[in-house]
């Protein structure tokens, strides 16, 4: 029945966004379509169509996928308010940001920061996030090597002081400082101030494996 199907608008934006986000979370969990097929009992071809946005998804299947990916299905449908469909689709209110850190495989203690999604969706070539570095995170051990992966990162410190370890250089950043680099360069961050620090990022490609 219609009530058991996730609603879509005339441009199928909801279907394509949900499908793309399912794909990103699946990849972040290190699962193949075959793995997801085995966990949900649905064919690889059907799941592939869902991830491409070519098939609508039922509430029951979304629940099964959420269980398979260890994600609350509600995460795929954030609260959206606004007078028109474009406002609801394109604007993320400050009180309706979705957490990203609960999708990561590493804890706050290991990473030293928590992330919120500023973009409306993970579907697309890049995305924006807000990282919060709690006070005292500077006490974390700094490993000799940083994160390395495909893509590029751009950011601006909007609060506090951050230490950026970029390859073999140690760089101190203060409120208002911005930066850009290839993600192939080994990189790590930590809070070196006494208060919470915050950084806004724009990254490409979409990545939620940490």
Protein backbone atom coordinates (compact mmCIF):
# COMPACT_ATOMS: atom_id res chain seq x y z
CA UNK A 1 0.00 0.00 0.00
CA UNK A 2 1.08 3.59 -0.57
CA UNK A 3 1.64 4.20 3.14
CA UNK A 4 4.37 1.56 3.11
CA UNK A 5 6.35 3.33 0.41
CA UNK A 6 8.73 6.19 1.15
CA UNK A 7 7.17 9.27 -0.49
CA UNK A 8 8.95 11.05 -3.32
CA UNK A 9 8.48 14.43 -4.92
CA UNK A 10 8.03 15.00 -8.61
CA UNK A 11 11.79 14.99 -9.20
CA UNK A 12 12.33 11.81 -7.16
CA UNK A 13 14.77 13.77 -5.03
CA UNK A 14 13.98 11.79 -1.89
CA UNK A 15 14.44 8.45 -3.62
CA UNK A 16 17.79 9.40 -5.16
CA UNK A 17 19.10 11.02 -1.97
CA UNK A 18 18.17 8.08 0.24
CA UNK A 19 19.64 5.62 -2.24
CA UNK A 20 22.92 7.52 -2.49
CA UNK A 21 23.18 7.82 1.28
CA UNK A 22 22.53 4.10 1.71
CA UNK A 23 25.39 3.48 -0.73
CA UNK A 24 27.76 5.79 1.17
CA UNK A 25 26.95 4.26 4.55
CA UNK A 26 27.27 0.74 3.12
CA UNK A 27 30.71 1.57 1.76
CA UNK A 28 31.69 3.17 5.06
CA UNK A 29 30.81 -0.09 6.77
CA UNK A 30 33.03 -1.99 4.34
CA UNK A 31 30.08 -3.95 2.93
CA UNK A 32 29.43 -4.96 -0.66
CA UNK A 33 26.04 -5.15 -2.31
CA UNK A 34 26.34 -8.90 -1.94
CA UNK A 35 26.80 -8.50 1.82
CA UNK A 36 23.76 -6.23 2.03
CA UNK A 37 21.78 -8.66 -0.10
CA UNK A 38 22.58 -11.52 2.26
CA UNK A 39 21.63 -9.46 5.31
CA UNK A 40 18.33 -8.17 3.91
CA UNK A 41 17.23 -11.08 1.73
CA UNK A 42 16.84 -8.79 -1.29
CA UNK A 43 18.55 -9.29 -4.64
CA UNK A 44 21.73 -7.44 -5.54
CA UNK A 45 20.03 -6.04 -8.65
CA UNK A 46 17.14 -4.63 -6.61
CA UNK A 47 19.42 -3.07 -4.00
CA UNK A 48 21.55 -1.60 -6.78
CA UNK A 49 18.48 0.06 -8.28
CA UNK A 50 17.60 1.51 -4.88
CA UNK A 51 21.10 2.93 -4.44
CA UNK A 52 20.91 4.50 -7.91
CA UNK A 53 17.55 6.03 -7.08
CA UNK A 54 15.77 4.00 -9.77
CA UNK A 55 13.48 2.13 -7.34
CA UNK A 56 11.36 3.28 -4.45
CA UNK A 57 11.99 1.74 -1.07
CA UNK A 58 9.43 0.45 1.42
CA UNK A 59 9.44 1.33 5.09
CA UNK A 60 10.02 -2.32 5.98
CA UNK A 61 13.01 -2.67 3.66
CA UNK A 62 14.52 0.60 4.90
CA UNK A 63 14.21 -0.77 8.42
CA UNK A 64 16.01 -3.96 7.36
CA UNK A 65 18.74 -1.95 5.61
CA UNK A 66 19.14 0.27 8.66
CA UNK A 67 19.57 -2.80 10.86
CA UNK A 68 22.10 -4.26 8.41
CA UNK A 69 24.09 -1.01 8.37
CA UNK A 70 23.65 -0.30 12.09
CA UNK A 71 21.96 3.03 11.34
CA UNK A 72 18.62 4.32 12.61
CA UNK A 73 16.40 4.50 9.48
CA UNK A 74 15.20 7.92 10.65
CA UNK A 75 18.70 9.23 9.92
CA UNK A 76 17.93 9.01 6.20
CA UNK A 77 14.93 11.35 6.65
CA UNK A 78 16.04 14.43 8.58
CA UNK A 79 13.56 17.03 9.76
CA UNK A 80 12.99 19.65 7.08
CA UNK A 81 10.93 22.80 7.50
CA UNK A 82 10.06 25.58 5.09
CA UNK A 83 7.29 27.10 3.03
CA UNK A 84 8.27 25.58 -0.30
CA UNK A 85 9.72 22.27 -1.56
CA UNK A 86 13.04 23.83 -2.54
CA UNK A 87 13.46 25.43 0.87
CA UNK A 88 12.72 22.11 2.54
CA UNK A 89 15.09 20.27 0.21
CA UNK A 90 17.98 22.74 0.17
CA UNK A 91 18.09 24.38 3.60
CA UNK A 92 19.41 22.72 6.76
CA UNK A 93 18.29 24.53 9.90
CA UNK A 94 20.80 24.79 12.74
CA UNK A 95 18.61 22.67 15.01
CA UNK A 96 18.13 19.94 12.40
CA UNK A 97 21.70 18.96 11.54
CA UNK A 98 22.37 15.25 11.33
CA UNK A 99 25.24 13.73 13.35
CA UNK A 100 27.91 11.92 11.38
CA UNK A 101 30.12 10.63 14.16
CA UNK A 102 27.77 7.76 14.99
CA UNK A 103 28.43 6.45 11.48
CA UNK A 104 32.20 6.37 11.98
CA UNK A 105 34.09 3.28 13.04
CA UNK A 106 36.34 5.22 15.41
CA UNK A 107 35.28 6.83 18.68
CA UNK A 108 35.53 10.44 19.84
CA UNK A 109 38.42 9.40 22.07
CA UNK A 110 40.34 8.14 19.04
CA UNK A 111 39.45 11.00 16.69
CA UNK A 112 39.29 13.98 19.03
CA UNK A 113 36.30 15.52 17.26
CA UNK A 114 32.60 15.05 16.50
CA UNK A 115 30.99 15.92 13.16
CA UNK A 116 27.62 17.27 12.04
CA UNK A 117 26.42 17.26 8.43
CA UNK A 118 25.83 20.78 7.12
CA UNK A 119 24.85 19.66 3.63
CA UNK A 120 21.33 18.45 2.99
CA UNK A 121 22.53 15.05 1.85
CA UNK A 122 25.54 12.81 1.36
CA UNK A 123 24.42 12.43 -2.24
CA UNK A 124 26.75 14.40 -4.51
CA UNK A 125 30.37 15.01 -5.31
CA UNK A 126 31.27 16.88 -2.13
CA UNK A 127 29.77 17.84 1.20
CA UNK A 128 30.12 20.26 4.12
CA UNK A 129 30.49 19.35 7.78
CA UNK A 130 31.02 21.04 11.14
CA UNK A 131 33.66 19.49 13.38
CA UNK A 132 33.60 20.14 17.12
CA UNK A 133 36.83 19.57 19.05
CA UNK A 134 36.00 19.37 22.78
CA UNK A 135 38.14 21.23 25.28
CA UNK A 136 40.96 19.02 26.43
CA UNK A 137 41.19 17.12 23.14
CA UNK A 138 44.74 18.44 22.85
CA UNK A 139 45.72 15.92 25.49
CA UNK A 140 45.16 13.08 23.02
CA UNK A 141 48.23 11.25 21.84
CA UNK A 142 49.39 12.50 18.45
CA UNK A 143 50.32 9.59 16.17
CA UNK A 144 53.36 9.78 13.93
CA UNK A 145 51.27 9.38 10.80
CA UNK A 146 48.03 11.05 9.77
CA UNK A 147 45.03 10.18 7.66
CA UNK A 148 45.65 9.67 3.95
CA UNK A 149 42.93 9.20 1.33
CA UNK A 150 41.80 10.36 -2.10
CA UNK A 151 40.35 13.84 -2.53
CA UNK A 152 40.77 17.36 -1.21
CA UNK A 153 39.77 19.25 1.90
CA UNK A 154 39.04 22.92 2.51
CA UNK A 155 38.27 24.36 5.93
CA UNK A 156 38.02 27.41 8.14
CA UNK A 157 38.42 27.63 11.90
CA UNK A 158 35.37 29.42 13.25
CA UNK A 159 36.17 29.00 16.94
CA UNK A 160 39.22 28.24 19.03
CA UNK A 161 42.73 27.10 18.14
CA UNK A 162 43.65 24.02 16.12
CA UNK A 163 46.94 22.31 15.42
CA UNK A 164 47.22 20.87 11.92
CA UNK A 165 49.85 18.22 11.35
CA UNK A 166 50.29 18.29 7.57
CA UNK A 167 52.87 15.83 6.29
CA UNK A 168 55.98 16.67 8.32
CA UNK A 169 54.90 20.21 9.26
CA UNK A 170 53.05 21.34 12.41
CA UNK A 171 50.81 24.34 11.76
CA UNK A 172 48.84 26.34 14.35
CA UNK A 173 45.50 27.74 13.20
CA UNK A 174 43.39 30.35 14.96
CA UNK A 175 39.84 31.60 14.56
CA UNK A 176 39.36 32.93 11.02
CA UNK A 177 42.25 31.00 9.49
CA UNK A 178 41.39 28.83 6.50
CA UNK A 179 43.27 26.08 4.70
CA UNK A 180 43.17 23.77 1.68
CA UNK A 181 45.17 20.66 0.84
CA UNK A 182 45.16 17.39 -1.04
CA UNK A 183 43.92 14.57 1.18
CA UNK A 184 46.81 12.47 -0.10
CA UNK A 185 48.99 14.47 2.31
CA UNK A 186 49.11 12.80 5.74
CA UNK A 187 47.08 15.01 8.07
CA UNK A 188 45.82 15.14 11.66
CA UNK A 189 44.12 17.75 13.83
CA UNK A 190 43.87 18.45 17.54
CA UNK A 191 42.53 21.16 19.80
CA UNK A 192 45.37 23.13 21.36
CA UNK A 193 43.15 25.67 23.13
CA UNK A 194 41.39 25.62 26.49
CA UNK A 195 37.88 25.90 24.99
CA UNK A 196 35.95 23.96 22.36
CA UNK A 197 37.22 24.52 18.83
CA UNK A 198 35.09 24.34 15.67
CA UNK A 199 36.00 23.89 12.01
CA UNK A 200 33.75 24.03 8.96
CA UNK A 201 34.87 21.75 6.14
CA UNK A 202 34.13 21.24 2.48
CA UNK A 203 35.35 17.86 1.26
CA UNK A 204 35.42 15.86 -1.94
CA UNK A 205 34.66 13.08 -2.52
CA UNK A 206 32.08 12.18 0.13
CA UNK A 207 33.78 10.15 2.86
CA UNK A 208 32.48 8.83 6.17
CA UNK A 209 35.08 6.17 6.92
CA UNK A 210 37.35 7.24 9.76
